[in-house]
Amino acid sequence: LLKKYFDGIVIGESLKQAQSAADVIIEGNFDGVVMDQNLVYAEGTILGSDIVREVRSRGYKGVILFRSANTEEADIDLYLKSGGDAVMSKAATSKLIAQKLKVMIEERRTTQKL
């Protein structure tokens, strides 16, 4: 999604990858993550908010931006309470998401060491 704007990886192309997403995020020490809420596979669904809750509990300090089709107030509240920093609609372009993430990462760098 954001490879044009950032060096990075895409996690979650399969259920197995999604199940190991927290480990990859922690081990990769990424400055920022774009997370979808509903990671749906034929074998089951994983919630992005569960992954975010886990990485935050394990000490991840990077920026987490949820990108979701579900942006009602209750949804946003869930994303932020799980440890997300911001939420953008799936209607947002990759360029806009990358710009927002870049600004958030720079702000985080000025307030704490990433």
Foldseek 3Di string as FASTA:
>chain_A
DQVVPDDDDDFQPDPVRVVCVLVCCQVVLDQEDEFEQWRDDPVGTDGRLVSLLVNVVVPRDHAYEYEYQDDDPVVQVSNVVSPHDYYDYVVDDSVVVSVVRVVRSVVSVVVDPD
